[in-house]
N, C-alpha and C. Protein backbone atom coordinates (compact mmCIF):
# COMPACT_ATOMS: atom_id res chain seq x y z
N MET A 1 -11.88 47.24 -55.97
CA MET A 1 -12.60 46.08 -56.50
C MET A 1 -11.72 45.02 -57.17
N THR A 2 -11.88 43.41 -57.13
CA THR A 2 -11.26 42.45 -56.27
C THR A 2 -10.84 41.94 -57.94
N SER A 3 -9.26 41.87 -58.40
CA SER A 3 -9.08 41.59 -59.62
C SER A 3 -9.78 39.76 -59.73
N PHE A 4 -9.54 39.57 -60.96
CA PHE A 4 -9.79 38.00 -61.06
C PHE A 4 -8.93 37.28 -60.88
N TYR A 5 -8.96 36.16 -59.93
CA TYR A 5 -7.73 35.28 -59.74
C TYR A 5 -8.22 33.69 -60.19
N GLY A 6 -9.23 33.65 -60.78
CA GLY A 6 -9.45 32.40 -61.28
C GLY A 6 -10.32 31.27 -60.38
N ARG A 7 -10.11 30.35 -60.97
CA ARG A 7 -10.68 28.94 -60.38
C ARG A 7 -9.74 28.82 -59.10
N PHE A 8 -10.92 27.72 -57.87
CA PHE A 8 -10.41 27.49 -56.74
C PHE A 8 -11.21 26.29 -56.98
N ARG A 9 -10.55 24.91 -56.59
CA ARG A 9 -10.88 23.69 -56.85
C ARG A 9 -10.77 23.13 -55.22
N ASP A 10 -12.06 22.86 -54.71
CA ASP A 10 -11.86 22.05 -53.11
C ASP A 10 -10.91 20.78 -52.93
N PRO A 11 -9.57 21.38 -52.80
CA PRO A 11 -8.72 19.86 -52.50
C PRO A 11 -9.07 18.62 -51.19
N ARG A 12 -10.20 19.03 -50.92
CA ARG A 12 -10.91 18.00 -49.95
C ARG A 12 -9.95 18.52 -48.53
N SER A 13 -9.57 19.35 -48.14
CA SER A 13 -8.80 19.54 -46.78
C SER A 13 -9.40 19.31 -45.89
N THR A 14 -9.38 18.55 -44.69
CA THR A 14 -10.08 18.92 -43.25
C THR A 14 -9.28 19.55 -42.33
N ALA A 15 -9.34 20.16 -41.19
CA ALA A 15 -8.86 20.29 -40.10
C ALA A 15 -7.70 19.77 -39.42
N TYR A 16 -7.78 18.37 -39.93
CA TYR A 16 -6.87 17.30 -39.62
C TYR A 16 -5.91 17.53 -40.19
N ASP A 17 -5.61 18.18 -41.37
CA ASP A 17 -4.73 17.89 -42.28
C ASP A 17 -3.72 19.23 -41.95
N PHE A 18 -4.07 19.93 -41.38
CA PHE A 18 -3.05 21.31 -40.96
C PHE A 18 -2.84 21.33 -39.50
N ILE A 19 -2.64 20.29 -38.61
CA ILE A 19 -2.51 19.82 -37.58
C ILE A 19 -1.25 19.41 -37.00
N ASP A 20 -0.05 19.55 -38.12
CA ASP A 20 1.13 19.44 -37.57
C ASP A 20 1.55 19.95 -37.06
N SER A 21 1.77 21.43 -37.22
CA SER A 21 2.19 22.32 -36.80
C SER A 21 1.27 23.60 -36.62
N ILE A 22 1.41 23.68 -35.28
CA ILE A 22 0.11 24.98 -35.24
C ILE A 22 0.78 26.18 -34.45
N PHE A 23 0.69 27.30 -34.92
CA PHE A 23 1.23 28.42 -34.21
C PHE A 23 0.43 29.01 -33.08
N VAL A 24 0.34 29.01 -32.05
CA VAL A 24 -0.05 29.43 -31.03
C VAL A 24 0.66 30.34 -30.23
N LYS A 25 -0.02 31.36 -29.08
CA LYS A 25 0.42 32.52 -28.68
C LYS A 25 0.98 31.96 -27.05
N CYS A 26 2.38 32.07 -27.10
CA CYS A 26 2.89 31.16 -25.57
C CYS A 26 2.13 31.78 -24.41
N PRO A 27 2.11 30.75 -23.24
CA PRO A 27 1.30 31.56 -22.07
C PRO A 27 2.11 32.38 -21.12
N ASN A 28 3.65 31.38 -21.61
CA ASN A 28 4.71 32.50 -20.76
C ASN A 28 5.08 33.73 -20.86
N CYS A 29 5.37 33.78 -22.66
CA CYS A 29 5.89 34.93 -22.18
C CYS A 29 5.46 36.05 -24.12
N ALA A 30 3.85 35.59 -24.23
CA ALA A 30 2.90 36.02 -25.19
C ALA A 30 3.73 36.14 -26.74
N ASN A 31 4.62 35.14 -26.81
CA ASN A 31 4.92 35.30 -28.60
C ASN A 31 4.81 34.15 -29.14
N VAL A 32 5.10 33.73 -30.20
CA VAL A 32 4.69 32.91 -31.34
C VAL A 32 5.61 31.58 -30.76
N ALA A 33 4.63 30.84 -30.18
CA ALA A 33 4.94 29.31 -30.12
C ALA A 33 4.40 28.12 -30.94
N HIS A 34 4.81 26.78 -31.01
CA HIS A 34 4.42 26.11 -31.93
C HIS A 34 3.87 24.98 -31.09
N VAL A 35 2.90 24.18 -31.89
CA VAL A 35 2.60 22.92 -31.38
C VAL A 35 2.86 21.89 -32.26
N VAL A 36 3.92 20.86 -31.83
CA VAL A 36 4.04 20.13 -32.97
C VAL A 36 3.87 18.60 -32.20
N PRO A 37 4.11 17.84 -33.11
CA PRO A 37 3.93 16.15 -32.63
C PRO A 37 4.91 16.02 -31.64
N ALA A 38 5.09 15.13 -30.87
CA ALA A 38 6.09 14.78 -29.87
C ALA A 38 6.97 13.71 -30.47
N PRO A 39 8.45 13.95 -30.42
CA PRO A 39 9.54 13.31 -31.16
C PRO A 39 9.74 11.96 -31.04
N GLN A 40 8.67 11.20 -30.45
CA GLN A 40 8.72 9.82 -30.26
C GLN A 40 7.88 9.35 -31.62
N VAL A 41 7.45 9.71 -32.37
CA VAL A 41 7.18 9.41 -33.79
C VAL A 41 8.17 8.87 -34.94
N SER A 42 8.01 7.47 -35.27
CA SER A 42 9.49 7.12 -36.02
C SER A 42 9.21 7.89 -37.46
N ASP A 43 10.19 7.99 -37.80
CA ASP A 43 10.58 8.83 -39.21
C ASP A 43 9.58 8.55 -40.39
N GLY A 44 9.03 9.35 -41.22
CA GLY A 44 8.07 8.53 -42.01
C GLY A 44 6.47 8.20 -42.00
N GLU A 45 6.74 7.95 -40.34
CA GLU A 45 5.09 7.63 -39.93
C GLU A 45 4.76 9.62 -39.95
N ARG A 46 2.83 9.59 -40.39
CA ARG A 46 2.85 10.55 -40.41
C ARG A 46 1.86 10.49 -39.22
N PRO A 47 1.89 12.01 -38.27
CA PRO A 47 1.33 11.59 -36.83
C PRO A 47 -0.31 11.48 -37.05
N THR A 48 -0.77 10.99 -36.16
CA THR A 48 -2.54 11.03 -36.27
C THR A 48 -3.05 11.79 -35.40
N LEU A 49 -3.98 11.94 -35.34
CA LEU A 49 -4.86 13.19 -34.35
C LEU A 49 -4.73 12.94 -32.78
N PHE A 50 -4.38 11.90 -32.27
CA PHE A 50 -4.24 11.49 -30.96
C PHE A 50 -2.73 11.40 -30.85
N THR A 51 -1.76 11.52 -31.34
CA THR A 51 -0.27 11.67 -31.56
C THR A 51 -0.26 12.42 -30.31
N LEU A 52 0.79 12.12 -29.21
CA LEU A 52 1.50 13.09 -28.12
C LEU A 52 1.78 14.40 -28.96
N ARG A 53 1.56 15.52 -28.78
CA ARG A 53 2.37 16.69 -29.09
C ARG A 53 2.91 17.47 -28.15
N ARG A 54 3.79 18.46 -28.40
CA ARG A 54 4.43 19.33 -27.70
C ARG A 54 4.47 20.88 -27.67
N LEU A 55 4.42 21.70 -27.03
CA LEU A 55 4.49 23.06 -26.74
C LEU A 55 5.52 23.52 -26.99
N VAL A 56 6.54 23.99 -27.52
CA VAL A 56 7.70 24.95 -27.78
C VAL A 56 7.56 26.22 -27.90
N CYS A 57 8.23 26.73 -27.09
CA CYS A 57 8.58 28.63 -27.76
C CYS A 57 10.03 28.68 -27.53
N ARG A 58 10.16 29.21 -28.61
CA ARG A 58 11.78 29.29 -29.00
C ARG A 58 11.98 31.20 -28.08
N SER A 59 11.30 31.33 -28.16
CA SER A 59 11.67 32.94 -27.09
C SER A 59 11.76 32.74 -25.60
N CYS A 60 10.99 31.87 -24.94
CA CYS A 60 11.26 31.84 -23.52
C CYS A 60 11.88 30.54 -23.27
N GLY A 61 11.58 29.47 -24.45
CA GLY A 61 12.34 28.43 -23.79
C GLY A 61 11.24 27.28 -23.22
N LEU A 62 9.63 27.97 -23.11
CA LEU A 62 8.80 26.82 -22.52
C LEU A 62 8.94 26.17 -23.86
N SER A 63 8.25 24.52 -22.86
CA SER A 63 8.39 23.14 -23.54
C SER A 63 7.44 22.56 -22.45
N ARG A 64 5.94 22.24 -22.94
CA ARG A 64 5.20 21.08 -22.32
C ARG A 64 4.91 20.11 -23.38
N LYS A 65 4.46 18.98 -22.89
CA LYS A 65 4.19 17.65 -23.47
C LYS A 65 2.31 17.68 -23.29
N SER A 66 1.80 17.26 -24.01
CA SER A 66 0.16 16.62 -24.03
C SER A 66 -0.02 15.59 -23.41
N SER A 67 -1.02 15.77 -22.52
CA SER A 67 -1.31 14.34 -21.57
C SER A 67 -1.63 13.55 -22.74
N GLY A 68 -2.32 13.89 -23.82
CA GLY A 68 -2.68 12.98 -24.94
C GLY A 68 -4.17 12.52 -24.59
N GLY A 69 -4.59 11.98 -25.62
CA GLY A 69 -6.37 11.10 -25.56
C GLY A 69 -7.44 12.22 -25.53
N HIS A 70 -7.04 13.69 -25.51
CA HIS A 70 -8.16 14.79 -25.33
C HIS A 70 -7.88 15.62 -26.65
N VAL A 71 -8.50 15.67 -27.51
CA VAL A 71 -8.37 17.15 -28.78
C VAL A 71 -10.25 17.56 -28.42
N ALA A 72 -9.65 18.98 -28.33
CA ALA A 72 -11.04 19.80 -28.62
C ALA A 72 -10.84 20.49 -29.83
N PHE A 73 -11.44 20.86 -30.94
CA PHE A 73 -11.39 21.59 -31.75
C PHE A 73 -12.04 22.79 -32.05
N ALA A 74 -11.72 24.08 -32.27
CA ALA A 74 -12.87 25.08 -32.39
C ALA A 74 -13.74 25.18 -32.79
N ARG A 75 -15.13 25.71 -32.26
CA ARG A 75 -16.16 25.50 -33.10
C ARG A 75 -16.79 26.99 -33.30
N GLY A 76 -17.35 27.42 -34.65
CA GLY A 76 -17.33 28.46 -34.85
C GLY A 76 -16.61 30.09 -34.80
N THR A 77 -17.21 30.82 -35.25
CA THR A 77 -15.91 32.10 -35.18
C THR A 77 -16.82 33.21 -34.07
N ASN A 78 -17.43 32.92 -33.36
CA ASN A 78 -17.56 33.65 -32.37
C ASN A 78 -16.81 34.34 -31.18
N HIS A 79 -15.85 33.61 -31.10
CA HIS A 79 -14.74 33.86 -30.00
C HIS A 79 -13.43 33.45 -30.60
N PRO A 80 -12.28 34.04 -29.97
CA PRO A 80 -11.10 33.30 -30.53
C PRO A 80 -11.02 31.87 -30.59
N ALA A 81 -10.56 31.73 -31.05
CA ALA A 81 -10.17 29.93 -31.50
C ALA A 81 -8.80 29.74 -30.36
N ILE A 82 -8.59 28.34 -29.94
CA ILE A 82 -7.94 27.67 -29.06
C ILE A 82 -7.16 26.85 -30.07
N ASP A 83 -6.00 25.89 -30.03
CA ASP A 83 -5.46 25.27 -30.53
C ASP A 83 -6.38 23.66 -29.47
N PRO A 84 -6.22 22.61 -30.54
CA PRO A 84 -7.15 21.41 -29.67
C PRO A 84 -6.28 20.68 -28.93
N TYR A 85 -5.13 20.97 -28.59
CA TYR A 85 -4.03 19.51 -27.45
C TYR A 85 -3.84 20.58 -26.03
N PHE A 86 -3.99 22.06 -26.17
CA PHE A 86 -3.38 22.56 -25.37
C PHE A 86 -4.20 23.74 -24.50
N GLY A 87 -5.05 23.83 -25.66
CA GLY A 87 -6.27 25.29 -25.37
C GLY A 87 -5.40 26.36 -25.18
N VAL A 88 -4.45 26.66 -25.70
CA VAL A 88 -4.03 28.11 -25.81
C VAL A 88 -4.51 28.82 -27.05
N ALA A 89 -4.47 30.07 -27.11
CA ALA A 89 -4.73 30.99 -28.17
C ALA A 89 -3.71 30.95 -29.59
N LEU A 90 -4.98 30.86 -30.45
CA LEU A 90 -3.95 30.51 -31.65
C LEU A 90 -3.58 32.18 -32.08
N TRP A 91 -2.43 32.03 -32.89
CA TRP A 91 -1.45 32.82 -33.30
C TRP A 91 -1.97 33.52 -34.30
N LEU A 92 -2.21 32.73 -35.23
CA LEU A 92 -2.86 33.76 -36.56
C LEU A 92 -4.59 33.68 -36.67
N GLN A 93 -4.93 34.40 -35.62
CA GLN A 93 -6.19 35.07 -35.40
C GLN A 93 -6.88 36.42 -35.92
N LEU A 94 -7.70 37.23 -36.21
CA LEU A 94 -7.96 38.49 -35.74
C LEU A 94 -9.48 38.44 -35.72
N GLU A 95 -10.27 39.75 -35.26
CA GLU A 95 -11.38 39.47 -35.06
C GLU A 95 -12.11 40.96 -36.28
N THR A 96 -13.15 40.21 -36.92
CA THR A 96 -13.91 41.04 -37.78
C THR A 96 -14.60 41.20 -37.34
N ARG A 97 -15.40 42.48 -38.48
CA ARG A 97 -17.00 42.86 -37.60
C ARG A 97 -18.03 41.79 -37.98
N HIS A 98 -17.53 40.65 -38.71
CA HIS A 98 -18.65 39.33 -38.79
C HIS A 98 -18.06 38.40 -37.61
N GLY A 99 -16.58 38.34 -37.48
CA GLY A 99 -16.35 37.17 -36.22
C GLY A 99 -14.72 37.02 -36.30
N TRP A 100 -14.48 35.86 -35.87
CA TRP A 100 -12.79 35.32 -35.50
C TRP A 100 -12.65 35.19 -36.89
N LEU A 101 -11.81 35.42 -37.70
CA LEU A 101 -10.96 34.57 -38.82
C LEU A 101 -9.47 33.82 -38.34
N TRP A 102 -9.31 32.92 -38.48
CA TRP A 102 -8.26 32.09 -37.50
C TRP A 102 -8.12 31.13 -38.73
N ALA A 103 -6.70 30.64 -38.27
CA ALA A 103 -6.16 29.47 -39.26
C ALA A 103 -5.05 29.06 -38.30
N TYR A 104 -4.46 27.50 -38.29
CA TYR A 104 -3.74 26.87 -38.00
C TYR A 104 -2.76 27.24 -37.97
N ASN A 105 -1.92 27.39 -39.25
CA ASN A 105 -0.83 27.62 -39.88
C ASN A 105 -0.87 28.12 -40.94
N LEU A 106 0.60 28.34 -41.75
CA LEU A 106 0.26 29.50 -43.28
C LEU A 106 -0.16 28.59 -44.29
N GLU A 107 -0.10 27.19 -44.34
CA GLU A 107 -0.59 26.51 -45.25
C GLU A 107 -2.18 26.49 -45.30
N HIS A 108 -3.13 26.63 -43.90
CA HIS A 108 -4.13 26.53 -43.61
C HIS A 108 -4.89 27.78 -43.98
N LEU A 109 -4.01 29.26 -43.89
CA LEU A 109 -4.64 30.58 -43.99
C LEU A 109 -4.21 30.64 -45.47
N ASP A 110 -3.07 30.07 -46.27
CA ASP A 110 -3.28 29.89 -47.69
C ASP A 110 -4.18 29.15 -48.32
N LEU A 111 -4.68 28.61 -47.76
CA LEU A 111 -6.08 27.76 -48.22
C LEU A 111 -6.92 28.52 -48.05
N ILE A 112 -7.70 29.44 -47.40
CA ILE A 112 -8.54 30.26 -46.84
C ILE A 112 -8.07 31.73 -47.70
N ARG A 113 -7.34 32.15 -47.86
CA ARG A 113 -6.93 33.33 -48.68
C ARG A 113 -7.43 32.65 -50.39
N ARG A 114 -6.72 31.55 -51.13
CA ARG A 114 -6.82 31.02 -52.19
C ARG A 114 -8.30 30.78 -52.80
N PHE A 115 -9.32 30.16 -51.82
CA PHE A 115 -10.74 30.16 -51.61
C PHE A 115 -11.56 31.33 -51.62
N VAL A 116 -11.17 32.47 -50.58
CA VAL A 116 -11.55 33.58 -50.97
C VAL A 116 -11.37 34.62 -52.07
N ARG A 117 -10.64 34.30 -52.45
CA ARG A 117 -9.88 35.30 -53.63
C ARG A 117 -10.40 35.01 -54.87
N ALA A 118 -10.71 33.76 -55.08
CA ALA A 118 -11.25 33.08 -56.02
C ALA A 118 -12.66 33.41 -56.59
N THR A 119 -13.01 33.68 -57.98
CA THR A 119 -14.27 34.27 -58.56
C THR A 119 -14.80 33.00 -58.75
N LEU A 120 -14.15 31.95 -59.14
CA LEU A 120 -15.12 30.76 -59.83
C LEU A 120 -14.31 29.93 -58.67
N ARG A 121 -15.74 29.21 -57.76
CA ARG A 121 -15.21 28.10 -56.23
C ARG A 121 -15.59 26.72 -57.01
N GLU A 122 -15.07 25.49 -57.30
CA GLU A 122 -15.87 24.52 -57.14
C GLU A 122 -15.47 23.29 -56.44
N ARG A 123 -16.46 22.94 -55.90
CA ARG A 123 -16.48 21.71 -55.01
C ARG A 123 -16.64 20.59 -55.78
N ALA A 124 -16.13 19.30 -54.87
CA ALA A 124 -15.82 18.16 -55.59
C ALA A 124 -17.37 17.39 -55.82
N PRO A 125 -17.55 17.19 -56.82
CA PRO A 125 -18.83 16.62 -57.46
C PRO A 125 -19.80 15.63 -56.21
N TRP A 126 -20.88 15.69 -56.53
CA TRP A 126 -21.34 15.20 -55.53
C TRP A 126 -21.70 13.49 -55.27
N TYR A 127 -21.49 12.89 -56.23
CA TYR A 127 -21.50 11.73 -56.68
C TYR A 127 -19.99 11.32 -55.91
N ASP A 128 -18.96 11.86 -55.92
CA ASP A 128 -17.88 11.34 -55.73
C ASP A 128 -17.67 10.57 -54.32
N THR A 129 -16.54 9.74 -54.01
CA THR A 129 -16.85 9.08 -52.82
C THR A 129 -16.23 9.65 -52.04
N GLY A 130 -15.17 10.86 -51.90
CA GLY A 130 -14.89 11.45 -51.06
C GLY A 130 -14.95 12.26 -49.59
N GLN A 131 -14.79 12.70 -48.92
CA GLN A 131 -14.86 13.79 -47.73
C GLN A 131 -16.05 14.67 -48.37
N LYS A 132 -17.28 14.92 -47.61
CA LYS A 132 -18.23 15.72 -48.45
C LYS A 132 -18.12 17.10 -47.37
N MET A 133 -17.90 17.39 -46.46
CA MET A 133 -17.79 18.64 -45.51
C MET A 133 -16.46 18.51 -45.29
N THR A 134 -15.47 19.12 -46.51
CA THR A 134 -14.41 19.37 -45.99
C THR A 134 -14.32 20.88 -45.31
N LEU A 135 -13.18 20.99 -45.30
CA LEU A 135 -12.52 22.58 -44.48
C LEU A 135 -13.41 23.91 -45.29
N VAL A 136 -13.26 23.81 -46.49
CA VAL A 136 -13.68 24.57 -47.08
C VAL A 136 -15.15 24.90 -46.93
N ALA A 137 -16.22 23.48 -47.28
CA ALA A 137 -17.37 23.62 -46.95
C ALA A 137 -17.90 24.00 -45.67
N ARG A 138 -17.18 24.27 -44.93
CA ARG A 138 -17.11 24.03 -43.46
C ARG A 138 -17.29 26.03 -42.79
N LEU A 139 -16.92 26.45 -44.11
CA LEU A 139 -16.42 27.90 -43.76
C LEU A 139 -17.65 28.57 -43.37
N PRO A 140 -17.47 29.32 -42.69
CA PRO A 140 -18.89 30.37 -42.01
C PRO A 140 -19.21 31.10 -43.67
N LEU A 141 -20.57 31.24 -43.76
CA LEU A 141 -20.98 31.96 -44.84
C LEU A 141 -20.70 33.30 -44.68
N TRP A 142 -20.11 33.96 -43.81
CA TRP A 142 -19.48 35.71 -44.02
C TRP A 142 -18.07 35.48 -44.65
N ILE A 143 -17.16 34.39 -44.72
CA ILE A 143 -16.22 34.38 -45.27
C ILE A 143 -16.57 33.98 -46.92
N LYS A 144 -17.45 33.14 -46.98
CA LYS A 144 -17.75 32.75 -48.58
C LYS A 144 -18.32 33.69 -49.57
N GLN A 145 -18.81 34.88 -48.41
CA GLN A 145 -19.76 35.90 -49.51
C GLN A 145 -19.00 36.57 -50.06
N ALA A 146 -19.08 36.89 -51.50
CA ALA A 146 -18.40 38.12 -52.34
C ALA A 146 -18.44 38.97 -51.99
N ARG A 147 -19.30 39.54 -51.80
CA ARG A 147 -19.27 41.14 -50.75
C ARG A 147 -18.51 41.45 -49.85
N ASN A 148 -18.04 40.39 -48.92
CA ASN A 148 -16.86 40.43 -48.20
C ASN A 148 -15.53 40.29 -48.70
N ARG A 149 -15.48 39.72 -49.61
CA ARG A 149 -14.33 39.39 -50.30
C ARG A 149 -12.91 40.45 -50.05
N ASP A 150 -13.05 41.39 -50.11
CA ASP A 150 -11.91 42.30 -49.82
C ASP A 150 -11.96 42.80 -48.73
N GLU A 151 -12.80 42.33 -47.66
CA GLU A 151 -12.24 42.64 -46.08
C GLU A 151 -11.75 41.28 -45.83
N VAL A 152 -11.85 40.32 -45.87
CA VAL A 152 -11.48 38.91 -45.49
C VAL A 152 -10.12 38.79 -46.19
N LEU A 153 -9.66 39.44 -47.19
CA LEU A 153 -8.40 39.31 -47.47
C LEU A 153 -7.33 40.19 -47.22
N ARG A 154 -8.36 41.70 -47.01
CA ARG A 154 -7.42 42.45 -45.58
C ARG A 154 -7.24 41.87 -44.59
N THR A 155 -7.68 41.18 -44.11
CA THR A 155 -7.69 40.77 -42.60
C THR A 155 -6.51 39.89 -42.76
N ILE A 156 -7.03 38.70 -43.54
CA ILE A 156 -5.90 37.41 -43.92
C ILE A 156 -4.39 38.09 -44.49
N ASN A 157 -4.06 39.30 -45.05
CA ASN A 157 -2.86 39.64 -44.81
C ASN A 157 -2.73 40.33 -43.59
N ARG A 158 -3.31 40.69 -42.54
CA ARG A 158 -3.06 42.01 -41.73
C ARG A 158 -2.30 40.17 -40.48
N ILE A 159 -3.22 39.53 -40.83
CA ILE A 159 -2.61 37.76 -39.78
C ILE A 159 -1.61 37.42 -40.76
N SER A 160 -1.04 37.26 -41.76
CA SER A 160 0.04 37.06 -41.95
C SER A 160 1.34 38.07 -41.66
N ALA A 161 0.53 39.33 -41.82
CA ALA A 161 2.07 40.27 -41.20
C ALA A 161 2.51 39.95 -39.80
N THR A 162 1.61 39.28 -38.76
CA THR A 162 1.99 39.13 -37.39
C THR A 162 3.15 38.33 -37.33
N LEU A 163 3.53 37.47 -37.81
CA LEU A 163 4.54 36.47 -38.15
C LEU A 163 5.52 37.32 -38.43
N VAL A 164 5.56 38.26 -39.14
CA VAL A 164 6.72 38.90 -39.58
C VAL A 164 7.51 39.97 -38.78
N HIS A 165 6.30 40.34 -37.83
CA HIS A 165 6.78 41.46 -36.92
C HIS A 165 6.75 40.55 -35.69
N ALA A 166 6.65 39.39 -35.42
CA ALA A 166 6.68 38.30 -34.10
C ALA A 166 8.38 37.99 -33.88
């Protein structure tokens, strides 16, 4: 049985908050690669959704630049997720009996972990003027259900371990 981990308050994060660094499977050597903003973003300026991106692999030296203007986010958990810029498979993903569990980076995975393990989950008040459909609100029902908590947490730990062995 899962022990009490306390309260989770929705920080109102969206998928856009986690696209600054995305772990992907290198199309050349199948090792971990990164999708990061291209260097022309000035210092101190936060990259936007349509900022040019670069796919970089430190294992084989692959470096690609996105053409820009086209961004396609993953929908659903019925199939493996891809990154929104290059269409390359995400590194941080595993299939469960319910569907695919995936994350763009470790911060994204940690948000899902904190949400799943919490026994008290608080959403933002309905009258608040902020983002209503946050990343947590858009999680599939099977991730949110308490009866799947242990299975989802085991899967998250297995996903985290793939970076250690890579």
